[in-house]
Each structure stands twice: as structure tokens, then as C-alpha cells.
């Protein structure tokens, strides 16, 4: 997912104060999930959920 796609999803989620959207972000082989699904801004607390293999990251991103 490209940065502009993530930014657009965050903007859409921020418009709805009762949004139940929870983003899962994968960076560098680590998967993180927001601790509080109501917080969407940059710097929102997140927790490490698991290590992700490089091949899995590529498969998810269709590379």
C-alpha cells in the first residue's frame, strides 16, 4: 500500500468520530496494530503484533 493510500484511509477514518476502523501497518518485517482503534493520527500508540517474513510482505503488496 502506498503512502497516499494510507493517508487517504486515515483521512476517511478521521471524518467519522465513531469509526471502528483499525489499521494494521507492516514495516520492515514487523506488524503493528493500533492499541486504540479510535486513534488514527500519526504517533498514535501501537503494539507489535508479530514478525512478518519479507515474502509475506511482498505477497500482501503484490510485488
PDB file of N, CA and C in Angstrom:
ATOM      1  N   UNK A   1       0.850  -1.160   0.000  1.00  0.00           N
ATOM      2  CA  UNK A   1       0.000   0.000   0.000  1.00  0.00           C
ATOM      3  C   UNK A   1       0.902   1.230   0.000  1.00  0.00           C
ATOM      4  N   UNK A   2       0.612   2.160  -0.859  1.00  0.00           N
ATOM      5  CA  UNK A   2       1.433   3.355  -0.976  1.00  0.00           C
ATOM      6  C   UNK A   2       1.043   4.382   0.079  1.00  0.00           C
ATOM      7  N   UNK A   3       1.971   5.333   0.340  1.00  0.00           N
ATOM      8  CA  UNK A   3       1.733   6.346   1.368  1.00  0.00           C
ATOM      9  C   UNK A   3       0.448   7.125   1.129  1.00  0.00           C
ATOM     10  N   UNK A   4       0.162   7.480  -0.134  1.00  0.00           N
ATOM     11  CA  UNK A   4      -1.054   8.252  -0.402  1.00  0.00           C
ATOM     12  C   UNK A   4      -2.307   7.438  -0.090  1.00  0.00           C
ATOM     13  N   UNK A   5      -2.248   6.113  -0.269  1.00  0.00           N
ATOM     14  CA  UNK A   5      -3.394   5.267   0.069  1.00  0.00           C
ATOM     15  C   UNK A   5      -3.616   5.234   1.576  1.00  0.00           C
ATOM     16  N   UNK A   6      -2.522   5.108   2.334  1.00  0.00           N
ATOM     17  CA  UNK A   6      -2.610   5.101   3.793  1.00  0.00           C
ATOM     18  C   UNK A   6      -3.139   6.441   4.276  1.00  0.00           C
ATOM     19  N   UNK A   7      -2.622   7.530   3.702  1.00  0.00           N
ATOM     20  CA  UNK A   7      -3.070   8.869   4.104  1.00  0.00           C
ATOM     21  C   UNK A   7      -4.559   9.046   3.813  1.00  0.00           C
ATOM     22  N   UNK A   8      -5.020   8.589   2.666  1.00  0.00           N
ATOM     23  CA  UNK A   8      -6.433   8.715   2.297  1.00  0.00           C
ATOM     24  C   UNK A   8      -7.322   7.901   3.247  1.00  0.00           C
ATOM     25  N   UNK A   9      -6.903   6.685   3.572  1.00  0.00           N
ATOM     26  CA  UNK A   9      -7.667   5.873   4.520  1.00  0.00           C
ATOM     27  C   UNK A   9      -7.728   6.537   5.887  1.00  0.00           C
ATOM     28  N   UNK A  10      -6.620   7.125   6.322  1.00  0.00           N
ATOM     29  CA  UNK A  10      -6.595   7.810   7.615  1.00  0.00           C
ATOM     30  C   UNK A  10      -7.525   9.015   7.607  1.00  0.00           C
ATOM     31  N   UNK A  11      -7.555   9.757   6.495  1.00  0.00           N
ATOM     32  CA  UNK A  11      -8.448  10.915   6.391  1.00  0.00           C
ATOM     33  C   UNK A  11      -9.911  10.478   6.451  1.00  0.00           C
ATOM     34  N   UNK A  12     -10.243   9.409   5.752  1.00  0.00           N
ATOM     35  CA  UNK A  12     -11.618   8.905   5.774  1.00  0.00           C
ATOM     36  C   UNK A  12     -12.020   8.447   7.172  1.00  0.00           C
ATOM     37  N   UNK A  13     -11.128   7.752   7.846  1.00  0.00           N
ATOM     38  CA  UNK A  13     -11.422   7.265   9.194  1.00  0.00           C
ATOM     39  C   UNK A  13     -11.569   8.420  10.171  1.00  0.00           C
ATOM     40  N   UNK A  14     -10.764   9.474  10.005  1.00  0.00           N
ATOM     41  CA  UNK A  14     -10.805  10.616  10.918  1.00  0.00           C
ATOM     42  C   UNK A  14     -12.110  11.400  10.789  1.00  0.00           C
ATOM     43  N   UNK A  15     -12.764  11.331   9.634  1.00  0.00           N
ATOM     44  CA  UNK A  15     -14.026  12.054   9.430  1.00  0.00           C
ATOM     45  C   UNK A  15     -15.165  11.459  10.250  1.00  0.00           C
ATOM     46  N   UNK A  16     -15.047  10.211  10.602  1.00  0.00           N
ATOM     47  CA  UNK A  16     -16.090   9.512  11.346  1.00  0.00           C
ATOM     48  C   UNK A  16     -15.618   9.298  12.776  1.00  0.00           C
ATOM     49  N   UNK A  17     -16.109  10.113  13.722  1.00  0.00           N
ATOM     50  CA  UNK A  17     -15.617  10.012  15.101  1.00  0.00           C
ATOM     51  C   UNK A  17     -15.875   8.661  15.763  1.00  0.00           C
ATOM     52  N   UNK A  18     -16.860   7.937  15.305  1.00  0.00           N
ATOM     53  CA  UNK A  18     -17.160   6.636  15.908  1.00  0.00           C
ATOM     54  C   UNK A  18     -16.636   5.497  15.035  1.00  0.00           C
ATOM     55  N   UNK A  19     -15.656   5.809  14.225  1.00  0.00           N
ATOM     56  CA  UNK A  19     -15.110   4.808  13.310  1.00  0.00           C
ATOM     57  C   UNK A  19     -14.586   3.600  14.068  1.00  0.00           C
ATOM     58  N   UNK A  20     -14.808   2.437  13.519  1.00  0.00           N
ATOM     59  CA  UNK A  20     -14.308   1.206  14.114  1.00  0.00           C
ATOM     60  C   UNK A  20     -13.185   0.619  13.263  1.00  0.00           C
ATOM     61  N   UNK A  21     -12.639   1.459  12.392  1.00  0.00           N
ATOM     62  CA  UNK A  21     -11.538   1.016  11.539  1.00  0.00           C
ATOM     63  C   UNK A  21     -10.274   0.901  12.369  1.00  0.00           C
ATOM     64  N   UNK A  22      -9.581  -0.191  12.222  1.00  0.00           N
ATOM     65  CA  UNK A  22      -8.305  -0.372  12.900  1.00  0.00           C
ATOM     66  C   UNK A  22      -7.268  -0.721  11.840  1.00  0.00           C
ATOM     67  N   UNK A  23      -6.289   0.140  11.694  1.00  0.00           N
ATOM     68  CA  UNK A  23      -5.260  -0.079  10.689  1.00  0.00           C
ATOM     69  C   UNK A  23      -4.202  -1.032  11.209  1.00  0.00           C
ATOM     70  N   UNK A  24      -3.757  -1.889  10.350  1.00  0.00           N
ATOM     71  CA  UNK A  24      -2.600  -2.726  10.621  1.00  0.00           C
ATOM     72  C   UNK A  24      -1.532  -2.302   9.634  1.00  0.00           C
ATOM     73  N   UNK A  25      -0.375  -1.945  10.147  1.00  0.00           N
ATOM     74  CA  UNK A  25       0.703  -1.418   9.322  1.00  0.00           C
ATOM     75  C   UNK A  25       1.889  -2.362   9.383  1.00  0.00           C
ATOM     76  N   UNK A  26       2.429  -2.692   8.242  1.00  0.00           N
ATOM     77  CA  UNK A  26       3.576  -3.584   8.192  1.00  0.00           C
ATOM     78  C   UNK A  26       4.787  -2.816   7.691  1.00  0.00           C
ATOM     79  N   UNK A  27       5.835  -2.778   8.499  1.00  0.00           N
ATOM     80  CA  UNK A  27       7.081  -2.101   8.139  1.00  0.00           C
ATOM     81  C   UNK A  27       8.263  -2.987   8.484  1.00  0.00           C
ATOM     82  N   UNK A  28       9.140  -3.144   7.545  1.00  0.00           N
ATOM     83  CA  UNK A  28      10.398  -3.826   7.808  1.00  0.00           C
ATOM     84  C   UNK A  28      10.293  -5.170   8.485  1.00  0.00           C
ATOM     85  N   UNK A  29       9.292  -5.950   8.149  1.00  0.00           N
ATOM     86  CA  UNK A  29       9.181  -7.277   8.723  1.00  0.00           C
ATOM     87  C   UNK A  29       8.508  -7.324  10.079  1.00  0.00           C
ATOM     88  N   UNK A  30       7.970  -6.207  10.539  1.00  0.00           N
ATOM     89  CA  UNK A  30       7.242  -6.172  11.807  1.00  0.00           C
ATOM     90  C   UNK A  30       5.827  -5.690  11.551  1.00  0.00           C
ATOM     91  N   UNK A  31       4.871  -6.292  12.215  1.00  0.00           N
ATOM     92  CA  UNK A  31       3.482  -5.878  12.061  1.00  0.00           C
ATOM     93  C   UNK A  31       3.041  -5.196  13.344  1.00  0.00           C
ATOM     94  N   UNK A  32       2.447  -4.008  13.189  1.00  0.00           N
ATOM     95  CA  UNK A  32       1.966  -3.230  14.322  1.00  0.00           C
ATOM     96  C   UNK A  32       0.473  -2.994  14.169  1.00  0.00           C
ATOM     97  N   UNK A  33      -0.219  -2.850  15.279  1.00  0.00           N
ATOM     98  CA  UNK A  33      -1.651  -2.585  15.272  1.00  0.00           C
ATOM     99  C   UNK A  33      -1.923  -1.481  16.292  1.00  0.00           C
ATOM    100  N   UNK A  34      -2.864  -0.586  15.967  1.00  0.00           N
ATOM    101  CA  UNK A  34      -3.194   0.482  16.906  1.00  0.00           C
ATOM    102  C   UNK A  34      -3.719  -0.109  18.208  1.00  0.00           C
ATOM    103  N   UNK A  35      -3.256   0.441  19.335  1.00  0.00           N
ATOM    104  CA  UNK A  35      -3.755  -0.022  20.636  1.00  0.00           C
ATOM    105  C   UNK A  35      -5.196   0.408  20.840  1.00  0.00           C
ATOM    106  N   UNK A  36      -5.533   1.589  20.326  1.00  0.00           N
ATOM    107  CA  UNK A  36      -6.886   2.121  20.462  1.00  0.00           C
ATOM    108  C   UNK A  36      -7.391   2.441  19.060  1.00  0.00           C
ATOM    109  N   UNK A  37      -8.371   1.703  18.581  1.00  0.00           N
ATOM    110  CA  UNK A  37      -8.863   1.869  17.214  1.00  0.00           C
ATOM    111  C   UNK A  37      -9.485   3.239  16.966  1.00  0.00           C
ATOM    112  N   UNK A  38      -9.766   4.000  18.025  1.00  0.00           N
ATOM    113  CA  UNK A  38     -10.348   5.328  17.836  1.00  0.00           C
ATOM    114  C   UNK A  38      -9.289   6.377  17.561  1.00  0.00           C
ATOM    115  N   UNK A  39      -8.021   6.051  17.745  1.00  0.00           N
ATOM    116  CA  UNK A  39      -6.936   6.994  17.482  1.00  0.00           C
ATOM    117  C   UNK A  39      -6.341   6.689  16.117  1.00  0.00           C
ATOM    118  N   UNK A  40      -6.361   7.687  15.230  1.00  0.00           N
ATOM    119  CA  UNK A  40      -5.910   7.456  13.860  1.00  0.00           C
ATOM    120  C   UNK A  40      -4.711   8.305  13.476  1.00  0.00           C
ATOM    121  N   UNK A  41      -4.335   9.286  14.290  1.00  0.00           N
ATOM    122  CA  UNK A  41      -3.284  10.224  13.906  1.00  0.00           C
ATOM    123  C   UNK A  41      -1.891   9.630  13.969  1.00  0.00           C
ATOM    124  N   UNK A  42      -0.961  10.350  13.360  1.00  0.00           N
ATOM    125  CA  UNK A  42       0.435   9.944  13.445  1.00  0.00           C
ATOM    126  C   UNK A  42       0.867   9.973  14.898  1.00  0.00           C
ATOM    127  N   UNK A  43       1.629   9.008  15.301  1.00  0.00           N
ATOM    128  CA  UNK A  43       2.095   8.939  16.680  1.00  0.00           C
ATOM    129  C   UNK A  43       1.118   8.260  17.622  1.00  0.00           C
ATOM    130  N   UNK A  44       0.009   7.747  17.084  1.00  0.00           N
ATOM    131  CA  UNK A  44      -0.951   7.029  17.926  1.00  0.00           C
ATOM    132  C   UNK A  44      -0.278   5.777  18.487  1.00  0.00           C
ATOM    133  N   UNK A  45      -0.550   5.448  19.746  1.00  0.00           N
ATOM    134  CA  UNK A  45       0.078   4.266  20.354  1.00  0.00           C
ATOM    135  C   UNK A  45      -0.243   2.997  19.564  1.00  0.00           C
ATOM    136  N   UNK A  46       0.779   2.192  19.352  1.00  0.00           N
ATOM    137  CA  UNK A  46       0.609   0.935  18.624  1.00  0.00           C
ATOM    138  C   UNK A  46       1.383  -0.151  19.342  1.00  0.00           C
ATOM    139  N   UNK A  47       0.997  -1.377  19.087  1.00  0.00           N
ATOM    140  CA  UNK A  47       1.704  -2.505  19.694  1.00  0.00           C
ATOM    141  C   UNK A  47       2.223  -3.425  18.594  1.00  0.00           C
ATOM    142  N   UNK A  48       3.338  -4.050  18.874  1.00  0.00           N
ATOM    143  CA  UNK A  48       3.916  -5.006  17.937  1.00  0.00           C
ATOM    144  C   UNK A  48       3.116  -6.294  18.056  1.00  0.00           C
ATOM    145  N   UNK A  49       2.592  -6.774  16.939  1.00  0.00           N
ATOM    146  CA  UNK A  49       1.774  -7.980  16.996  1.00  0.00           C
ATOM    147  C   UNK A  49       2.518  -9.224  16.534  1.00  0.00           C
ATOM    148  N   UNK A  50       3.412  -9.076  15.562  1.00  0.00           N
ATOM    149  CA  UNK A  50       4.189 -10.244  15.134  1.00  0.00           C
ATOM    150  C   UNK A  50       5.268  -9.832  14.147  1.00  0.00           C
ATOM    151  N   UNK A  51       6.242 -10.701  13.974  1.00  0.00           N
ATOM    152  CA  UNK A  51       7.242 -10.540  12.926  1.00  0.00           C
ATOM    153  C   UNK A  51       6.654 -11.111  11.645  1.00  0.00           C
ATOM    154  N   UNK A  52       6.904 -10.431  10.547  1.00  0.00           N
ATOM    155  CA  UNK A  52       6.370 -10.860   9.265  1.00  0.00           C
ATOM    156  C   UNK A  52       7.533 -11.100   8.317  1.00  0.00           C
ATOM    157  N   UNK A  53       7.520 -12.215   7.618  1.00  0.00           N
ATOM    158  CA  UNK A  53       8.604 -12.511   6.684  1.00  0.00           C
ATOM    159  C   UNK A  53       8.546 -11.570   5.485  1.00  0.00           C
ATOM    160  N   UNK A  54       9.703 -11.363   4.863  1.00  0.00           N
ATOM    161  CA  UNK A  54       9.782 -10.493   3.697  1.00  0.00           C
ATOM    162  C   UNK A  54       8.876 -11.006   2.583  1.00  0.00           C
ATOM    163  N   UNK A  55       8.825 -12.316   2.390  1.00  0.00           N
ATOM    164  CA  UNK A  55       7.979 -12.874   1.328  1.00  0.00           C
ATOM    165  C   UNK A  55       6.500 -12.613   1.603  1.00  0.00           C
ATOM    166  N   UNK A  56       6.106 -12.641   2.879  1.00  0.00           N
ATOM    167  CA  UNK A  56       4.709 -12.351   3.219  1.00  0.00           C
ATOM    168  C   UNK A  56       4.382 -10.887   2.953  1.00  0.00           C
ATOM    169  N   UNK A  57       5.311  -9.987   3.276  1.00  0.00           N
ATOM    170  CA  UNK A  57       5.110  -8.559   2.996  1.00  0.00           C
ATOM    171  C   UNK A  57       4.935  -8.357   1.498  1.00  0.00           C
ATOM    172  N   UNK A  58       5.794  -8.974   0.698  1.00  0.00           N
ATOM    173  CA  UNK A  58       5.698  -8.840  -0.754  1.00  0.00           C
ATOM    174  C   UNK A  58       4.411  -9.436  -1.295  1.00  0.00           C
ATOM    175  N   UNK A  59       3.993 -10.561  -0.753  1.00  0.00           N
ATOM    176  CA  UNK A  59       2.753 -11.203  -1.190  1.00  0.00           C
ATOM    177  C   UNK A  59       1.561 -10.289  -0.898  1.00  0.00           C
ATOM    178  N   UNK A  60       1.549  -9.663   0.258  1.00  0.00           N
ATOM    179  CA  UNK A  60       0.454  -8.751   0.621  1.00  0.00           C
ATOM    180  C   UNK A  60       0.422  -7.531  -0.285  1.00  0.00           C
ATOM    181  N   UNK A  61       1.602  -7.066  -0.693  1.00  0.00           N
ATOM    182  CA  UNK A  61       1.696  -5.859  -1.516  1.00  0.00           C
ATOM    183  C   UNK A  61       1.719  -6.170  -3.006  1.00  0.00           C
ATOM    184  N   UNK A  62       1.599  -7.435  -3.370  1.00  0.00           N
ATOM    185  CA  UNK A  62       1.535  -7.880  -4.766  1.00  0.00           C
ATOM    186  C   UNK A  62       2.777  -7.514  -5.555  1.00  0.00           C
ATOM    187  N   UNK A  63       3.963  -7.635  -4.949  1.00  0.00           N
ATOM    188  CA  UNK A  63       5.212  -7.362  -5.677  1.00  0.00           C
ATOM    189  C   UNK A  63       5.727  -8.623  -6.294  1.00  0.00           C
TER     190      UNK A  63
END
